[in-house]
Amino acid sequence: MKILVMNGPNINFLGIREPGIYGKQNFEALQHMIRDKAKALGVEVELYQSNHEGALIDRIQQAYFDKVDGIVFNPGAYTHYSYAIRDALGSIPDIPKIEVHISNIHKREEFRHTSVTAPVMNAQIAGLGLQGYLLAMEALVNGLS
């Protein structure tokens, strides 16, 4: 099984950007946690992060050709307004996808309460910190569809 873990804008600034909201662990720590979890689950994992909308769309489309078995995706701020990313995710309905947010977007600023990407995802995990990524990986391995 191959899982693609994608991160959108500013996730690479974990530990630097608003540690009171996103925690003090840095992006490298998140990547290490994900790789360790993949090893424990016996799955292949690819990590991808970009601050650029088009690059994220290109990687989503490439996931189809790579025959990825599942996607864990934190779209960052694109969650709330990128219909282009939503359309890219919607174009691969046969690949299970879980949206992850480190903070609880439903308890933050009003504009964060709406996810335009959620309707084309299989599930959403929000507010569980970096653990949300690991839980999403477990859900994919356990047959979320």
N, C-alpha and C. Protein backbone atom coordinates (compact mmCIF):
# COMPACT_ATOMS: atom_id res chain seq x y z
N MET A 1 0.85 -1.18 0.00
CA MET A 1 0.00 0.00 0.00
C MET A 1 0.89 1.24 0.00
N LYS A 2 0.50 2.23 -0.80
CA LYS A 2 1.24 3.49 -0.88
C LYS A 2 0.34 4.64 -0.47
N ILE A 3 0.79 5.40 0.53
CA ILE A 3 0.05 6.56 1.02
C ILE A 3 0.84 7.82 0.69
N LEU A 4 0.15 8.79 0.12
CA LEU A 4 0.72 10.09 -0.15
C LEU A 4 0.25 11.04 0.95
N VAL A 5 1.20 11.65 1.65
CA VAL A 5 0.88 12.64 2.68
C VAL A 5 1.28 14.00 2.13
N MET A 6 0.28 14.84 1.92
CA MET A 6 0.49 16.15 1.32
C MET A 6 0.24 17.27 2.33
N ASN A 7 1.04 18.31 2.23
CA ASN A 7 0.85 19.50 3.06
C ASN A 7 0.91 20.73 2.19
N GLY A 8 -0.01 21.64 2.47
CA GLY A 8 -0.07 22.89 1.73
C GLY A 8 0.74 23.99 2.39
N PRO A 9 0.37 25.23 2.10
CA PRO A 9 1.16 26.38 2.51
C PRO A 9 1.36 26.50 4.02
N ASN A 10 2.57 26.88 4.35
CA ASN A 10 3.01 27.21 5.71
C ASN A 10 3.17 26.03 6.64
N ILE A 11 2.81 24.84 6.21
CA ILE A 11 3.00 23.68 7.09
C ILE A 11 4.49 23.43 7.30
N ASN A 12 5.30 23.80 6.33
CA ASN A 12 6.75 23.68 6.48
C ASN A 12 7.30 24.61 7.57
N PHE A 13 6.46 25.52 8.08
CA PHE A 13 6.87 26.45 9.13
C PHE A 13 6.38 26.02 10.51
N LEU A 14 6.02 24.74 10.65
CA LEU A 14 5.63 24.23 11.96
C LEU A 14 6.74 24.51 12.96
N GLY A 15 6.36 24.86 14.18
CA GLY A 15 7.32 25.17 15.22
C GLY A 15 7.79 26.61 15.17
N ILE A 16 7.58 27.26 14.05
CA ILE A 16 7.96 28.66 13.87
C ILE A 16 6.70 29.52 13.86
N ARG A 17 5.73 29.13 13.04
CA ARG A 17 4.50 29.89 12.87
C ARG A 17 3.49 29.57 13.98
N GLU A 18 3.12 30.55 14.73
CA GLU A 18 2.08 30.44 15.75
C GLU A 18 2.14 29.14 16.56
N PRO A 19 3.21 28.93 17.32
CA PRO A 19 3.33 27.67 18.08
C PRO A 19 2.22 27.47 19.10
N GLY A 20 1.56 28.54 19.52
CA GLY A 20 0.43 28.41 20.44
C GLY A 20 -0.76 27.72 19.79
N ILE A 21 -0.83 27.78 18.47
CA ILE A 21 -1.92 27.13 17.73
C ILE A 21 -1.47 25.80 17.14
N TYR A 22 -0.29 25.80 16.53
CA TYR A 22 0.17 24.63 15.78
C TYR A 22 1.18 23.76 16.50
N GLY A 23 1.60 24.17 17.69
CA GLY A 23 2.54 23.38 18.47
C GLY A 23 3.98 23.78 18.24
N LYS A 24 4.84 23.22 19.05
CA LYS A 24 6.26 23.57 19.01
C LYS A 24 7.09 22.60 18.19
N GLN A 25 6.50 21.46 17.82
CA GLN A 25 7.25 20.50 17.00
C GLN A 25 7.40 21.06 15.60
N ASN A 26 8.57 20.87 15.00
CA ASN A 26 8.81 21.41 13.67
C ASN A 26 8.40 20.43 12.58
N PHE A 27 8.51 20.88 11.35
CA PHE A 27 8.10 20.10 10.19
C PHE A 27 8.90 18.80 10.08
N GLU A 28 10.18 18.86 10.41
CA GLU A 28 11.00 17.66 10.36
C GLU A 28 10.51 16.61 11.35
N ALA A 29 10.06 17.06 12.52
CA ALA A 29 9.51 16.13 13.52
C ALA A 29 8.24 15.47 12.97
N LEU A 30 7.39 16.25 12.31
CA LEU A 30 6.19 15.68 11.70
C LEU A 30 6.57 14.63 10.66
N GLN A 31 7.51 14.94 9.81
CA GLN A 31 7.93 13.99 8.78
C GLN A 31 8.47 12.71 9.41
N HIS A 32 9.24 12.85 10.46
CA HIS A 32 9.79 11.69 11.16
C HIS A 32 8.67 10.83 11.74
N MET A 33 7.68 11.47 12.37
CA MET A 33 6.53 10.75 12.92
C MET A 33 5.79 9.97 11.84
N ILE A 34 5.60 10.60 10.69
CA ILE A 34 4.87 9.96 9.60
C ILE A 34 5.66 8.77 9.06
N ARG A 35 6.95 8.95 8.87
CA ARG A 35 7.77 7.83 8.37
C ARG A 35 7.78 6.66 9.36
N ASP A 36 7.88 6.96 10.66
CA ASP A 36 7.84 5.91 11.67
C ASP A 36 6.51 5.18 11.65
N LYS A 37 5.42 5.93 11.50
CA LYS A 37 4.09 5.31 11.47
C LYS A 37 3.94 4.43 10.24
N ALA A 38 4.45 4.89 9.10
CA ALA A 38 4.38 4.09 7.88
C ALA A 38 5.14 2.77 8.07
N LYS A 39 6.29 2.85 8.69
CA LYS A 39 7.07 1.63 8.94
C LYS A 39 6.30 0.68 9.85
N ALA A 40 5.69 1.23 10.91
CA ALA A 40 4.91 0.41 11.84
C ALA A 40 3.70 -0.23 11.17
N LEU A 41 3.11 0.49 10.22
CA LEU A 41 1.94 -0.02 9.50
C LEU A 41 2.32 -0.92 8.32
N GLY A 42 3.59 -0.91 7.97
CA GLY A 42 4.04 -1.73 6.83
C GLY A 42 3.61 -1.18 5.49
N VAL A 43 3.58 0.15 5.38
CA VAL A 43 3.17 0.78 4.13
C VAL A 43 4.27 1.69 3.62
N GLU A 44 4.20 1.97 2.33
CA GLU A 44 5.09 2.94 1.72
C GLU A 44 4.45 4.31 1.87
N VAL A 45 5.26 5.32 2.16
CA VAL A 45 4.73 6.67 2.30
C VAL A 45 5.57 7.63 1.48
N GLU A 46 4.89 8.57 0.86
CA GLU A 46 5.56 9.68 0.17
C GLU A 46 5.11 10.96 0.84
N LEU A 47 6.05 11.83 1.15
CA LEU A 47 5.75 13.12 1.76
C LEU A 47 5.92 14.21 0.72
N TYR A 48 4.95 15.12 0.68
CA TYR A 48 5.01 16.21 -0.29
C TYR A 48 4.47 17.46 0.36
N GLN A 49 5.20 18.57 0.23
CA GLN A 49 4.75 19.85 0.74
C GLN A 49 5.04 20.92 -0.30
N SER A 50 4.08 21.83 -0.49
CA SER A 50 4.30 22.97 -1.35
C SER A 50 3.49 24.15 -0.86
N ASN A 51 4.03 25.33 -1.07
CA ASN A 51 3.32 26.57 -0.78
C ASN A 51 2.60 27.08 -2.03
N HIS A 52 2.62 26.30 -3.10
CA HIS A 52 2.08 26.74 -4.38
C HIS A 52 0.88 25.89 -4.81
N GLU A 53 -0.21 26.55 -5.09
CA GLU A 53 -1.45 25.87 -5.44
C GLU A 53 -1.29 24.96 -6.66
N GLY A 54 -0.67 25.45 -7.71
CA GLY A 54 -0.51 24.66 -8.92
C GLY A 54 0.32 23.41 -8.69
N ALA A 55 1.37 23.52 -7.88
CA ALA A 55 2.21 22.37 -7.58
C ALA A 55 1.41 21.30 -6.83
N LEU A 56 0.54 21.73 -5.92
CA LEU A 56 -0.30 20.78 -5.19
C LEU A 56 -1.27 20.08 -6.14
N ILE A 57 -1.84 20.84 -7.06
CA ILE A 57 -2.75 20.26 -8.05
C ILE A 57 -2.01 19.26 -8.92
N ASP A 58 -0.81 19.62 -9.36
CA ASP A 58 -0.02 18.69 -10.18
C ASP A 58 0.23 17.39 -9.43
N ARG A 59 0.53 17.47 -8.12
CA ARG A 59 0.82 16.25 -7.36
C ARG A 59 -0.43 15.43 -7.14
N ILE A 60 -1.56 16.07 -6.94
CA ILE A 60 -2.83 15.34 -6.81
C ILE A 60 -3.11 14.58 -8.09
N GLN A 61 -2.95 15.23 -9.23
CA GLN A 61 -3.19 14.56 -10.51
C GLN A 61 -2.20 13.42 -10.73
N GLN A 62 -0.93 13.63 -10.36
CA GLN A 62 0.08 12.59 -10.52
C GLN A 62 -0.24 11.37 -9.65
N ALA A 63 -0.91 11.59 -8.53
CA ALA A 63 -1.28 10.48 -7.64
C ALA A 63 -2.12 9.45 -8.39
N TYR A 64 -2.94 9.91 -9.31
CA TYR A 64 -3.75 9.00 -10.12
C TYR A 64 -2.86 8.07 -10.95
N PHE A 65 -1.87 8.65 -11.62
CA PHE A 65 -0.98 7.88 -12.48
C PHE A 65 -0.02 7.01 -11.67
N ASP A 66 0.31 7.45 -10.46
CA ASP A 66 1.18 6.67 -9.58
C ASP A 66 0.45 5.55 -8.88
N LYS A 67 -0.87 5.49 -9.06
CA LYS A 67 -1.71 4.47 -8.43
C LYS A 67 -1.56 4.49 -6.90
N VAL A 68 -1.60 5.69 -6.35
CA VAL A 68 -1.55 5.87 -4.90
C VAL A 68 -2.81 5.23 -4.30
N ASP A 69 -2.66 4.58 -3.15
CA ASP A 69 -3.79 3.89 -2.52
C ASP A 69 -4.59 4.78 -1.57
N GLY A 70 -4.01 5.89 -1.16
CA GLY A 70 -4.71 6.80 -0.26
C GLY A 70 -3.92 8.08 -0.10
N ILE A 71 -4.65 9.15 0.22
CA ILE A 71 -4.02 10.47 0.40
C ILE A 71 -4.45 11.04 1.75
N VAL A 72 -3.47 11.52 2.49
CA VAL A 72 -3.69 12.32 3.69
C VAL A 72 -3.26 13.73 3.29
N PHE A 73 -4.14 14.70 3.47
CA PHE A 73 -3.86 16.04 2.94
C PHE A 73 -4.27 17.12 3.92
N ASN A 74 -3.30 17.97 4.25
CA ASN A 74 -3.58 19.20 4.99
C ASN A 74 -3.41 20.33 3.98
N PRO A 75 -4.51 20.83 3.41
CA PRO A 75 -4.40 21.89 2.40
C PRO A 75 -4.05 23.26 2.96
N GLY A 76 -3.91 23.39 4.28
CA GLY A 76 -3.63 24.70 4.86
C GLY A 76 -4.75 25.67 4.52
N ALA A 77 -4.39 26.90 4.28
CA ALA A 77 -5.38 27.93 3.98
C ALA A 77 -6.17 27.65 2.70
N TYR A 78 -5.60 26.86 1.79
CA TYR A 78 -6.33 26.52 0.56
C TYR A 78 -7.63 25.77 0.86
N THR A 79 -7.72 25.18 2.04
CA THR A 79 -8.94 24.49 2.46
C THR A 79 -10.17 25.36 2.27
N HIS A 80 -10.00 26.64 2.53
CA HIS A 80 -11.14 27.54 2.66
C HIS A 80 -11.53 28.25 1.38
N TYR A 81 -10.70 28.14 0.33
CA TYR A 81 -11.06 28.90 -0.87
C TYR A 81 -10.55 28.34 -2.19
N SER A 82 -9.80 27.26 -2.19
CA SER A 82 -9.26 26.78 -3.46
C SER A 82 -10.20 25.78 -4.13
N TYR A 83 -11.00 26.31 -5.01
CA TYR A 83 -11.87 25.44 -5.79
C TYR A 83 -11.07 24.64 -6.81
N ALA A 84 -9.91 25.15 -7.19
CA ALA A 84 -9.04 24.42 -8.11
C ALA A 84 -8.51 23.15 -7.45
N ILE A 85 -8.09 23.24 -6.21
CA ILE A 85 -7.64 22.05 -5.48
C ILE A 85 -8.82 21.12 -5.24
N ARG A 86 -9.97 21.69 -4.90
CA ARG A 86 -11.17 20.87 -4.71
C ARG A 86 -11.48 20.07 -5.98
N ASP A 87 -11.42 20.73 -7.13
CA ASP A 87 -11.72 20.05 -8.39
C ASP A 87 -10.69 18.95 -8.68
N ALA A 88 -9.42 19.20 -8.37
CA ALA A 88 -8.39 18.18 -8.58
C ALA A 88 -8.66 16.96 -7.70
N LEU A 89 -8.99 17.20 -6.44
CA LEU A 89 -9.31 16.09 -5.52
C LEU A 89 -10.56 15.36 -5.98
N GLY A 90 -11.55 16.11 -6.46
CA GLY A 90 -12.78 15.49 -6.95
C GLY A 90 -12.59 14.67 -8.21
N SER A 91 -11.51 14.92 -8.93
CA SER A 91 -11.27 14.19 -10.18
C SER A 91 -10.69 12.81 -9.94
N ILE A 92 -10.35 12.49 -8.68
CA ILE A 92 -9.81 11.17 -8.37
C ILE A 92 -10.66 10.51 -7.27
N PRO A 93 -11.94 10.27 -7.56
CA PRO A 93 -12.85 9.76 -6.52
C PRO A 93 -12.51 8.35 -6.04
N ASP A 94 -11.78 7.58 -6.82
CA ASP A 94 -11.47 6.20 -6.42
C ASP A 94 -10.30 6.11 -5.45
N ILE A 95 -9.62 7.21 -5.20
CA ILE A 95 -8.53 7.22 -4.22
C ILE A 95 -9.08 7.78 -2.91
N PRO A 96 -9.10 6.98 -1.84
CA PRO A 96 -9.57 7.51 -0.55
C PRO A 96 -8.68 8.66 -0.09
N LYS A 97 -9.34 9.70 0.44
CA LYS A 97 -8.64 10.92 0.84
C LYS A 97 -9.16 11.40 2.19
N ILE A 98 -8.21 11.75 3.07
CA ILE A 98 -8.58 12.28 4.38
C ILE A 98 -7.95 13.66 4.55
N GLU A 99 -8.78 14.62 4.87
CA GLU A 99 -8.32 15.98 5.13
C GLU A 99 -7.93 16.09 6.60
N VAL A 100 -6.75 16.66 6.84
CA VAL A 100 -6.23 16.79 8.21
C VAL A 100 -5.95 18.25 8.51
N HIS A 101 -6.33 18.66 9.71
CA HIS A 101 -6.00 20.00 10.21
C HIS A 101 -5.44 19.84 11.62
N ILE A 102 -4.31 20.47 11.86
CA ILE A 102 -3.66 20.39 13.15
C ILE A 102 -4.51 21.04 14.23
N SER A 103 -5.04 22.21 13.94
CA SER A 103 -5.91 22.91 14.89
C SER A 103 -7.37 22.58 14.58
N ASN A 104 -8.23 22.92 15.50
CA ASN A 104 -9.66 22.72 15.28
C ASN A 104 -10.19 23.93 14.51
N ILE A 105 -10.29 23.76 13.20
CA ILE A 105 -10.71 24.87 12.34
C ILE A 105 -12.12 25.37 12.68
N HIS A 106 -12.91 24.55 13.33
CA HIS A 106 -14.29 24.92 13.66
C HIS A 106 -14.38 25.80 14.90
N LYS A 107 -13.26 25.94 15.61
CA LYS A 107 -13.23 26.80 16.80
C LYS A 107 -12.36 28.03 16.59
N ARG A 108 -12.00 28.29 15.35
CA ARG A 108 -11.12 29.41 15.05
C ARG A 108 -11.90 30.51 14.33
N GLU A 109 -11.22 31.35 13.59
CA GLU A 109 -11.88 32.44 12.88
C GLU A 109 -12.99 31.91 11.98
N GLU A 110 -14.00 32.71 11.81
CA GLU A 110 -15.18 32.30 11.04
C GLU A 110 -14.82 31.79 9.64
N PHE A 111 -13.88 32.44 8.95
CA PHE A 111 -13.55 32.02 7.59
C PHE A 111 -12.97 30.61 7.54
N ARG A 112 -12.42 30.15 8.66
CA ARG A 112 -11.84 28.80 8.70
C ARG A 112 -12.88 27.71 8.91
N HIS A 113 -14.09 28.08 9.22
CA HIS A 113 -15.13 27.08 9.50
C HIS A 113 -15.58 26.34 8.25
N THR A 114 -15.38 26.93 7.10
CA THR A 114 -15.82 26.31 5.85
C THR A 114 -14.64 25.69 5.12
N SER A 115 -14.82 24.43 4.77
CA SER A 115 -13.83 23.73 3.94
C SER A 115 -14.46 23.46 2.59
N VAL A 116 -13.90 24.06 1.54
CA VAL A 116 -14.43 23.78 0.20
C VAL A 116 -13.91 22.44 -0.30
N THR A 117 -12.87 21.90 0.34
CA THR A 117 -12.32 20.61 -0.09
C THR A 117 -13.00 19.43 0.59
N ALA A 118 -13.57 19.62 1.77
CA ALA A 118 -14.18 18.52 2.52
C ALA A 118 -15.21 17.71 1.74
N PRO A 119 -16.07 18.32 0.91
CA PRO A 119 -17.07 17.52 0.20
C PRO A 119 -16.51 16.47 -0.76
N VAL A 120 -15.24 16.59 -1.15
CA VAL A 120 -14.66 15.60 -2.05
C VAL A 120 -13.67 14.69 -1.32
N MET A 121 -13.65 14.78 0.01
CA MET A 121 -12.82 13.93 0.84
C MET A 121 -13.68 12.84 1.46
N ASN A 122 -13.04 11.77 1.89
CA ASN A 122 -13.78 10.70 2.56
C ASN A 122 -14.00 11.01 4.04
N ALA A 123 -13.09 11.80 4.62
CA ALA A 123 -13.19 12.12 6.04
C ALA A 123 -12.36 13.36 6.32
N GLN A 124 -12.59 13.92 7.52
CA GLN A 124 -11.83 15.07 7.97
C GLN A 124 -11.46 14.86 9.43
N ILE A 125 -10.20 15.15 9.76
CA ILE A 125 -9.72 15.10 11.14
C ILE A 125 -9.21 16.49 11.46
N ALA A 126 -9.72 17.08 12.53
CA ALA A 126 -9.30 18.44 12.91
C ALA A 126 -9.13 18.52 14.42
N GLY A 127 -8.09 19.25 14.83
CA GLY A 127 -7.92 19.57 16.23
C GLY A 127 -7.17 18.56 17.06
N LEU A 128 -6.60 17.55 16.43
CA LEU A 128 -5.87 16.53 17.20
C LEU A 128 -4.36 16.68 17.08
N GLY A 129 -3.93 17.86 16.65
CA GLY A 129 -2.50 18.11 16.51
C GLY A 129 -1.89 17.22 15.44
N LEU A 130 -0.62 16.95 15.59
CA LEU A 130 0.08 16.12 14.60
C LEU A 130 -0.41 14.69 14.60
N GLN A 131 -1.04 14.25 15.70
CA GLN A 131 -1.60 12.89 15.77
C GLN A 131 -2.65 12.66 14.69
N GLY A 132 -3.28 13.72 14.22
CA GLY A 132 -4.30 13.58 13.18
C GLY A 132 -3.76 12.90 11.93
N TYR A 133 -2.52 13.20 11.59
CA TYR A 133 -1.91 12.56 10.41
C TYR A 133 -1.80 11.05 10.62
N LEU A 134 -1.37 10.66 11.82
CA LEU A 134 -1.17 9.24 12.11
C LEU A 134 -2.50 8.49 12.13
N LEU A 135 -3.51 9.12 12.69
CA LEU A 135 -4.84 8.52 12.71
C LEU A 135 -5.40 8.37 11.30
N ALA A 136 -5.14 9.35 10.46
CA ALA A 136 -5.59 9.27 9.06
C ALA A 136 -4.91 8.12 8.34
N MET A 137 -3.62 7.95 8.58
CA MET A 137 -2.91 6.84 7.96
C MET A 137 -3.49 5.50 8.41
N GLU A 138 -3.78 5.38 9.71
CA GLU A 138 -4.39 4.14 10.22
C GLU A 138 -5.75 3.89 9.55
N ALA A 139 -6.54 4.94 9.40
CA ALA A 139 -7.86 4.79 8.78
C ALA A 139 -7.72 4.29 7.34
N LEU A 140 -6.76 4.82 6.61
CA LEU A 140 -6.56 4.36 5.23
C LEU A 140 -6.15 2.90 5.19
N VAL A 141 -5.24 2.52 6.06
CA VAL A 141 -4.77 1.14 6.11
C VAL A 141 -5.90 0.19 6.51
N ASN A 142 -6.80 0.67 7.37
CA ASN A 142 -7.90 -0.16 7.84
C ASN A 142 -9.09 -0.17 6.90
N GLY A 143 -8.92 0.39 5.71
CA GLY A 143 -9.93 0.20 4.69
C GLY A 143 -10.94 1.30 4.51
N LEU A 144 -10.64 2.52 4.94
CA LEU A 144 -11.55 3.63 4.67
C LEU A 144 -11.73 3.76 3.17
N SER A 145 -12.96 3.92 2.75
CA SER A 145 -13.20 4.11 1.31
C SER A 145 -14.33 5.09 1.09
